[in-house]
Amino acid sequence: MIQDKFIPGRYINLPTALTGQVNPPAGTNDGDFVEMTSKPLRLEQSTRNPGLGGRYSGVSEGVATKIHRNFQYLRYIVYRTTYMNMSGVDVLTGFMQGCRVVVYSDRGRKFIAHIGTGSDAARSTSTKNTWNAFARMPGVQLLAGFNPWAQWNNNLPQAQPGDHFTGVKCIALVTPSLDLYSVALFKHEQNMEAFRVHDIVKMQSMTINELRDI
């Protein structure tokens, strides 16, 4: 639903409090599942922002009257799998650079997971192996999943004047009907929480076998 608001050229507010990496909870190990929660969030109606050079949509806590503006944000922890309940609104998660995002049902409840791999190959393998074992358990039904970064990995979007030098960022968007989107963004050079939408692409789900052997 919210995918229609990710219009190329528009700026979206993504606070660091959402997109920043979370430290692993004490007592957890590589591959462990960590349950997350998200406050109800809404994407505000866009306004023209001369300082950014385009239209800008802020993000606020609370529920919007127009349901297509509501969403939740699933934060990530490197070398852990974060997950939360799918509550009937869109979910954003990221930033992405090779992690898989999977929607699954466990004993009748629907969840979304961000499998947090990183630059350490051994730790990433441990994290993926833990997921693969979970995905084969009785009662777990895999519904959809994808690698959002795969859309851009071999065709990196290029920055434009006004973009920050850190390069393209990627977030995943998953709708309640299991539509999967990859969004390419560029941070503004003078506003670290304003991101220019480069493009949004609808992606196909990986197969069940692929999601059991990531």
C-alpha atoms as a PDB file:
ATOM      1  CA  MET A   1       0.000   0.000   0.000  1.00  0.00           C
ATOM      2  CA  ILE A   2       2.672   2.492   0.990  1.00  0.00           C
ATOM      3  CA  GLN A   3       4.708   1.564  -2.085  1.00  0.00           C
ATOM      4  CA  ASP A   4       2.817   4.135  -4.152  1.00  0.00           C
ATOM      5  CA  LYS A   5       4.323   6.884  -1.975  1.00  0.00           C
ATOM      6  CA  PHE A   6       7.892   5.928  -2.836  1.00  0.00           C
ATOM      7  CA  ILE A   7       7.965   8.135  -5.908  1.00  0.00           C
ATOM      8  CA  PRO A   8      11.348   8.562  -7.643  1.00  0.00           C
ATOM      9  CA  GLY A   9      12.728  12.010  -6.871  1.00  0.00           C
ATOM     10  CA  ARG A  10      10.727  12.432  -3.666  1.00  0.00           C
ATOM     11  CA  TYR A  11      12.460  12.647  -0.296  1.00  0.00           C
ATOM     12  CA  ILE A  12      11.411  10.374   2.566  1.00  0.00           C
ATOM     13  CA  ASN A  13      12.297  10.927   6.213  1.00  0.00           C
ATOM     14  CA  LEU A  14      13.906   7.801   7.687  1.00  0.00           C
ATOM     15  CA  PRO A  15      15.141   8.600  11.207  1.00  0.00           C
ATOM     16  CA  THR A  16      18.353   6.986  12.401  1.00  0.00           C
ATOM     17  CA  ALA A  17      16.310   5.667  15.330  1.00  0.00           C
ATOM     18  CA  LEU A  18      14.688   3.334  12.782  1.00  0.00           C
ATOM     19  CA  THR A  19      17.466   2.552  10.327  1.00  0.00           C
ATOM     20  CA  GLY A  20      20.413   2.336  12.713  1.00  0.00           C
ATOM     21  CA  GLN A  21      21.827  -1.037  13.661  1.00  0.00           C
ATOM     22  CA  VAL A  22      20.765  -2.422  17.053  1.00  0.00           C
ATOM     23  CA  ASN A  23      23.355  -3.911  19.401  1.00  0.00           C
ATOM     24  CA  PRO A  24      22.872  -7.627  20.129  1.00  0.00           C
ATOM     25  CA  PRO A  25      21.049  -8.232  23.417  1.00  0.00           C
ATOM     26  CA  ALA A  26      23.191  -9.583  26.222  1.00  0.00           C
ATOM     27  CA  GLY A  27      23.218 -13.352  26.400  1.00  0.00           C
ATOM     28  CA  THR A  28      22.418 -13.921  22.724  1.00  0.00           C
ATOM     29  CA  ASN A  29      24.662 -15.672  20.222  1.00  0.00           C
ATOM     30  CA  ASP A  30      25.152 -15.611  16.470  1.00  0.00           C
ATOM     31  CA  GLY A  31      22.031 -16.830  14.714  1.00  0.00           C
ATOM     32  CA  ASP A  32      19.707 -16.324  17.666  1.00  0.00           C
ATOM     33  CA  PHE A  33      16.203 -14.996  17.026  1.00  0.00           C
ATOM     34  CA  VAL A  34      15.406 -11.655  18.657  1.00  0.00           C
ATOM     35  CA  GLU A  35      11.794 -10.506  18.793  1.00  0.00           C
ATOM     36  CA  MET A  36      11.265  -6.835  17.954  1.00  0.00           C
ATOM     37  CA  THR A  37       8.324  -4.464  18.193  1.00  0.00           C
ATOM     38  CA  SER A  38       7.456  -1.335  16.258  1.00  0.00           C
ATOM     39  CA  LYS A  39       5.310   1.593  17.232  1.00  0.00           C
ATOM     40  CA  PRO A  40       2.602   2.426  14.696  1.00  0.00           C
ATOM     41  CA  LEU A  41       4.144   4.752  12.116  1.00  0.00           C
ATOM     42  CA  ARG A  42       2.692   6.856   9.354  1.00  0.00           C
ATOM     43  CA  LEU A  43       4.086   8.549   6.279  1.00  0.00           C
ATOM     44  CA  GLU A  44       2.910  12.142   6.183  1.00  0.00           C
ATOM     45  CA  GLN A  45       1.539  13.871   3.112  1.00  0.00           C
ATOM     46  CA  SER A  46       4.354  15.324   1.041  1.00  0.00           C
ATOM     47  CA  THR A  47       5.151  19.027   0.998  1.00  0.00           C
ATOM     48  CA  ARG A  48       7.579  21.017  -1.098  1.00  0.00           C
ATOM     49  CA  ASN A  49      10.912  21.507   0.654  1.00  0.00           C
ATOM     50  CA  PRO A  50      13.115  24.111  -1.077  1.00  0.00           C
ATOM     51  CA  GLY A  51      16.094  23.124   1.068  1.00  0.00           C
ATOM     52  CA  LEU A  52      16.014  19.617  -0.366  1.00  0.00           C
ATOM     53  CA  GLY A  53      15.066  20.629  -3.866  1.00  0.00           C
ATOM     54  CA  GLY A  54      11.918  18.530  -4.058  1.00  0.00           C
ATOM     55  CA  ARG A  55       8.884  17.164  -2.264  1.00  0.00           C
ATOM     56  CA  TYR A  56       9.369  15.646   1.186  1.00  0.00           C
ATOM     57  CA  SER A  57       7.335  13.242   3.317  1.00  0.00           C
ATOM     58  CA  GLY A  58       7.985  13.059   7.035  1.00  0.00           C
ATOM     59  CA  VAL A  59       7.439  10.060   9.301  1.00  0.00           C
ATOM     60  CA  SER A  60       5.470  10.347  12.550  1.00  0.00           C
ATOM     61  CA  GLU A  61       4.334   7.993  15.267  1.00  0.00           C
ATOM     62  CA  GLY A  62       0.674   7.082  15.304  1.00  0.00           C
ATOM     63  CA  VAL A  63      -1.987   5.774  12.968  1.00  0.00           C
ATOM     64  CA  ALA A  64      -3.042   7.720   9.882  1.00  0.00           C
ATOM     65  CA  THR A  65      -6.677   7.963   8.821  1.00  0.00           C
ATOM     66  CA  LYS A  66      -5.621   6.839   5.350  1.00  0.00           C
ATOM     67  CA  ILE A  67      -4.554   3.237   5.869  1.00  0.00           C
ATOM     68  CA  HIS A  68      -2.141   3.272   2.923  1.00  0.00           C
ATOM     69  CA  ARG A  69       0.146   5.614   4.885  1.00  0.00           C
ATOM     70  CA  ASN A  70       0.555   3.300   7.879  1.00  0.00           C
ATOM     71  CA  PHE A  71       3.530   1.011   8.375  1.00  0.00           C
ATOM     72  CA  GLN A  72       5.869  -0.606  10.872  1.00  0.00           C
ATOM     73  CA  TYR A  73       9.660  -0.763  10.834  1.00  0.00           C
ATOM     74  CA  LEU A  74      11.589  -3.952  11.601  1.00  0.00           C
ATOM     75  CA  ARG A  75      15.064  -3.080  12.849  1.00  0.00           C
ATOM     76  CA  TYR A  76      18.011  -5.384  12.286  1.00  0.00           C
ATOM     77  CA  ILE A  77      20.858  -6.839  14.330  1.00  0.00           C
ATOM     78  CA  VAL A  78      23.897  -8.123  12.477  1.00  0.00           C
ATOM     79  CA  TYR A  79      24.408 -11.886  12.962  1.00  0.00           C
ATOM     80  CA  ARG A  80      20.975 -12.242  14.560  1.00  0.00           C
ATOM     81  CA  THR A  81      17.519 -12.824  13.065  1.00  0.00           C
ATOM     82  CA  THR A  82      15.105 -10.122  14.131  1.00  0.00           C
ATOM     83  CA  TYR A  83      11.419 -10.806  13.720  1.00  0.00           C
ATOM     84  CA  MET A  84       8.030  -9.390  14.603  1.00  0.00           C
ATOM     85  CA  ASN A  85       4.354 -10.048  14.113  1.00  0.00           C
ATOM     86  CA  MET A  86       2.769  -8.996  10.818  1.00  0.00           C
ATOM     87  CA  SER A  87      -0.105  -6.866  12.060  1.00  0.00           C
ATOM     88  CA  GLY A  88      -1.937  -6.037   8.837  1.00  0.00           C
ATOM     89  CA  VAL A  89       0.127  -3.035   7.708  1.00  0.00           C
ATOM     90  CA  ASP A  90       3.171  -2.676   5.486  1.00  0.00           C
ATOM     91  CA  VAL A  91       6.588  -3.371   6.974  1.00  0.00           C
ATOM     92  CA  LEU A  92       9.841  -1.634   6.068  1.00  0.00           C
ATOM     93  CA  THR A  93      13.222  -3.012   7.091  1.00  0.00           C
ATOM     94  CA  GLY A  94      16.829  -2.191   6.347  1.00  0.00           C
ATOM     95  CA  PHE A  95      19.266  -1.091   5.402  1.00  0.00           C
ATOM     96  CA  MET A  96      19.892  -4.137   3.217  1.00  0.00           C
ATOM     97  CA  GLN A  97      23.109  -5.418   1.656  1.00  0.00           C
ATOM     98  CA  GLY A  98      22.551  -9.113   1.141  1.00  0.00           C
ATOM     99  CA  CYS A  99      20.311 -10.047   4.080  1.00  0.00           C
ATOM    100  CA  ARG A 100      17.155 -12.017   3.337  1.00  0.00           C
ATOM    101  CA  VAL A 101      13.710 -10.907   4.430  1.00  0.00           C
ATOM    102  CA  VAL A 102      11.196 -13.716   4.947  1.00  0.00           C
ATOM    103  CA  VAL A 103       7.517 -13.873   5.881  1.00  0.00           C
ATOM    104  CA  TYR A 104       6.466 -17.071   7.593  1.00  0.00           C
ATOM    105  CA  SER A 105       3.734 -18.612   9.689  1.00  0.00           C
ATOM    106  CA  ASP A 106       4.594 -20.340  12.953  1.00  0.00           C
ATOM    107  CA  ARG A 107       1.745 -22.282  14.542  1.00  0.00           C
ATOM    108  CA  GLY A 108      -0.809 -20.068  12.841  1.00  0.00           C
ATOM    109  CA  ARG A 109       0.780 -16.675  13.520  1.00  0.00           C
ATOM    110  CA  LYS A 110       2.337 -14.639  10.715  1.00  0.00           C
ATOM    111  CA  PHE A 111       5.770 -13.083  11.212  1.00  0.00           C
ATOM    112  CA  ILE A 112       8.368 -11.203   9.201  1.00  0.00           C
ATOM    113  CA  ALA A 113      12.081 -11.845   9.734  1.00  0.00           C
ATOM    114  CA  HIS A 114      15.260  -9.972   8.791  1.00  0.00           C
ATOM    115  CA  ILE A 115      18.129 -12.485   8.738  1.00  0.00           C
ATOM    116  CA  GLY A 116      21.071 -10.291   9.662  1.00  0.00           C
ATOM    117  CA  THR A 117      24.165 -11.408   7.794  1.00  0.00           C
ATOM    118  CA  GLY A 118      27.303  -9.289   7.651  1.00  0.00           C
ATOM    119  CA  SER A 119      30.879  -9.034   6.400  1.00  0.00           C
ATOM    120  CA  ASP A 120      32.225 -11.934   8.498  1.00  0.00           C
ATOM    121  CA  ALA A 121      31.616 -15.019   6.354  1.00  0.00           C
ATOM    122  CA  ALA A 122      31.836 -17.540   9.197  1.00  0.00           C
ATOM    123  CA  ARG A 123      29.423 -15.641  11.424  1.00  0.00           C
ATOM    124  CA  SER A 124      27.047 -15.101   8.518  1.00  0.00           C
ATOM    125  CA  THR A 125      27.111 -18.822   7.735  1.00  0.00           C
ATOM    126  CA  SER A 126      26.281 -19.617  11.354  1.00  0.00           C
ATOM    127  CA  THR A 127      23.372 -17.174  11.240  1.00  0.00           C
ATOM    128  CA  LYS A 128      22.038 -18.652   7.999  1.00  0.00           C
ATOM    129  CA  ASN A 129      22.423 -22.224   9.239  1.00  0.00           C
ATOM    130  CA  THR A 130      20.338 -21.422  12.310  1.00  0.00           C
ATOM    131  CA  TRP A 131      17.649 -19.960  10.074  1.00  0.00           C
ATOM    132  CA  ASN A 132      17.734 -22.961   7.731  1.00  0.00           C
ATOM    133  CA  ALA A 133      17.204 -25.347  10.643  1.00  0.00           C
ATOM    134  CA  PHE A 134      14.293 -23.257  11.909  1.00  0.00           C
ATOM    135  CA  ALA A 135      12.729 -23.077   8.432  1.00  0.00           C
ATOM    136  CA  ARG A 136      12.541 -26.883   8.313  1.00  0.00           C
ATOM    137  CA  MET A 137      10.793 -27.265  11.659  1.00  0.00           C
ATOM    138  CA  PRO A 138       7.264 -28.719  11.827  1.00  0.00           C
ATOM    139  CA  GLY A 139       4.690 -25.975  12.129  1.00  0.00           C
ATOM    140  CA  VAL A 140       6.778 -23.404  10.243  1.00  0.00           C
ATOM    141  CA  GLN A 141       5.313 -22.431   6.877  1.00  0.00           C
ATOM    142  CA  LEU A 142       7.379 -20.191   4.612  1.00  0.00           C
ATOM    143  CA  LEU A 143       5.137 -17.734   2.774  1.00  0.00           C
ATOM    144  CA  ALA A 144       7.469 -15.411   0.844  1.00  0.00           C
ATOM    145  CA  GLY A 145      10.976 -14.020   0.965  1.00  0.00           C
ATOM    146  CA  PHE A 146      13.662 -12.271  -1.026  1.00  0.00           C
ATOM    147  CA  ASN A 147      17.061 -10.613  -1.144  1.00  0.00           C
ATOM    148  CA  PRO A 148      16.260  -6.935  -1.772  1.00  0.00           C
ATOM    149  CA  TRP A 149      19.879  -6.016  -2.518  1.00  0.00           C
ATOM    150  CA  ALA A 150      19.989  -8.457  -5.452  1.00  0.00           C
ATOM    151  CA  GLN A 151      18.042  -5.914  -7.512  1.00  0.00           C
ATOM    152  CA  TRP A 152      20.917  -3.413  -7.349  1.00  0.00           C
ATOM    153  CA  ASN A 153      24.058  -5.454  -6.677  1.00  0.00           C
ATOM    154  CA  ASN A 154      25.131  -5.759 -10.318  1.00  0.00           C
ATOM    155  CA  ASN A 155      23.731  -2.417 -11.435  1.00  0.00           C
ATOM    156  CA  LEU A 156      24.457   0.127  -8.718  1.00  0.00           C
ATOM    157  CA  PRO A 157      22.449   3.344  -9.089  1.00  0.00           C
ATOM    158  CA  GLN A 158      24.601   6.435  -9.398  1.00  0.00           C
ATOM    159  CA  ALA A 159      24.418   9.456  -7.121  1.00  0.00           C
ATOM    160  CA  GLN A 160      23.123  12.796  -8.333  1.00  0.00           C
ATOM    161  CA  PRO A 161      24.093  16.329  -7.267  1.00  0.00           C
ATOM    162  CA  GLY A 162      22.855  16.858  -3.722  1.00  0.00           C
ATOM    163  CA  ASP A 163      23.282  13.211  -2.704  1.00  0.00           C
ATOM    164  CA  HIS A 164      25.606  12.244   0.139  1.00  0.00           C
ATOM    165  CA  PHE A 165      28.860  10.543  -0.852  1.00  0.00           C
ATOM    166  CA  THR A 166      28.052   7.330   1.067  1.00  0.00           C
ATOM    167  CA  GLY A 167      26.261   5.884  -1.947  1.00  0.00           C
ATOM    168  CA  VAL A 168      23.035   4.002  -2.502  1.00  0.00           C
ATOM    169  CA  LYS A 169      21.038   2.573   0.393  1.00  0.00           C
ATOM    170  CA  CYS A 170      18.435  -0.171   0.104  1.00  0.00           C
ATOM    171  CA  ILE A 171      15.372  -0.966   2.174  1.00  0.00           C
ATOM    172  CA  ALA A 172      12.804  -3.726   1.846  1.00  0.00           C
ATOM    173  CA  LEU A 173       9.059  -3.160   1.780  1.00  0.00           C
ATOM    174  CA  VAL A 174       6.633  -6.032   2.402  1.00  0.00           C
ATOM    175  CA  THR A 175       2.858  -5.636   2.214  1.00  0.00           C
ATOM    176  CA  PRO A 176       0.245  -7.698   4.100  1.00  0.00           C
ATOM    177  CA  SER A 177      -0.632  -9.372   0.783  1.00  0.00           C
ATOM    178  CA  LEU A 178       3.041 -10.450   0.500  1.00  0.00           C
ATOM    179  CA  ASP A 179       4.053  -8.103  -2.283  1.00  0.00           C
ATOM    180  CA  LEU A 180       7.827  -7.639  -2.067  1.00  0.00           C
ATOM    181  CA  TYR A 181       9.611  -4.420  -3.020  1.00  0.00           C
ATOM    182  CA  SER A 182      13.196  -3.232  -3.049  1.00  0.00           C
ATOM    183  CA  VAL A 183      13.720   0.518  -2.676  1.00  0.00           C
ATOM    184  CA  ALA A 184      16.944   2.291  -3.667  1.00  0.00           C
ATOM    185  CA  LEU A 185      17.618   5.522  -1.795  1.00  0.00           C
ATOM    186  CA  PHE A 186      20.266   8.220  -1.547  1.00  0.00           C
ATOM    187  CA  LYS A 187      20.861  10.238   1.610  1.00  0.00           C
ATOM    188  CA  HIS A 188      20.793  14.027   1.176  1.00  0.00           C
ATOM    189  CA  GLU A 189      24.197  15.645   1.605  1.00  0.00           C
ATOM    190  CA  GLN A 190      22.916  18.148   4.201  1.00  0.00           C
ATOM    191  CA  ASN A 191      20.159  16.158   5.911  1.00  0.00           C
ATOM    192  CA  MET A 192      21.236  12.736   7.120  1.00  0.00           C
ATOM    193  CA  GLU A 193      17.647  11.560   7.648  1.00  0.00           C
ATOM    194  CA  ALA A 194      16.209  12.689   4.314  1.00  0.00           C
ATOM    195  CA  PHE A 195      16.513  10.084   1.565  1.00  0.00           C
ATOM    196  CA  ARG A 196      15.850  10.642  -2.124  1.00  0.00           C
ATOM    197  CA  VAL A 197      13.917   7.796  -3.704  1.00  0.00           C
ATOM    198  CA  HIS A 198      15.892   6.601  -6.703  1.00  0.00           C
ATOM    199  CA  ASP A 199      13.571   3.747  -7.652  1.00  0.00           C
ATOM    200  CA  ILE A 200      11.269   1.069  -6.268  1.00  0.00           C
ATOM    201  CA  VAL A 201      11.038  -2.367  -7.883  1.00  0.00           C
ATOM    202  CA  LYS A 202       8.580  -5.177  -7.230  1.00  0.00           C
ATOM    203  CA  MET A 203      10.445  -8.463  -6.836  1.00  0.00           C
ATOM    204  CA  GLN A 204       9.551 -12.122  -7.061  1.00  0.00           C
ATOM    205  CA  SER A 205       9.712 -14.351  -4.020  1.00  0.00           C
ATOM    206  CA  MET A 206      12.456 -16.915  -3.724  1.00  0.00           C
ATOM    207  CA  THR A 207      11.262 -20.513  -3.809  1.00  0.00           C
ATOM    208  CA  ILE A 208      10.477 -22.430  -0.632  1.00  0.00           C
ATOM    209  CA  ASN A 209      13.585 -24.568  -1.118  1.00  0.00           C
ATOM    210  CA  GLU A 210      15.717 -21.457  -1.544  1.00  0.00           C
ATOM    211  CA  LEU A 211      14.269 -19.951   1.632  1.00  0.00           C
ATOM    212  CA  ARG A 212      15.171 -23.125   3.527  1.00  0.00           C
ATOM    213  CA  ASP A 213      18.749 -23.002   2.301  1.00  0.00           C
ATOM    214  CA  ILE A 214      19.796 -19.367   2.211  1.00  0.00           C
END
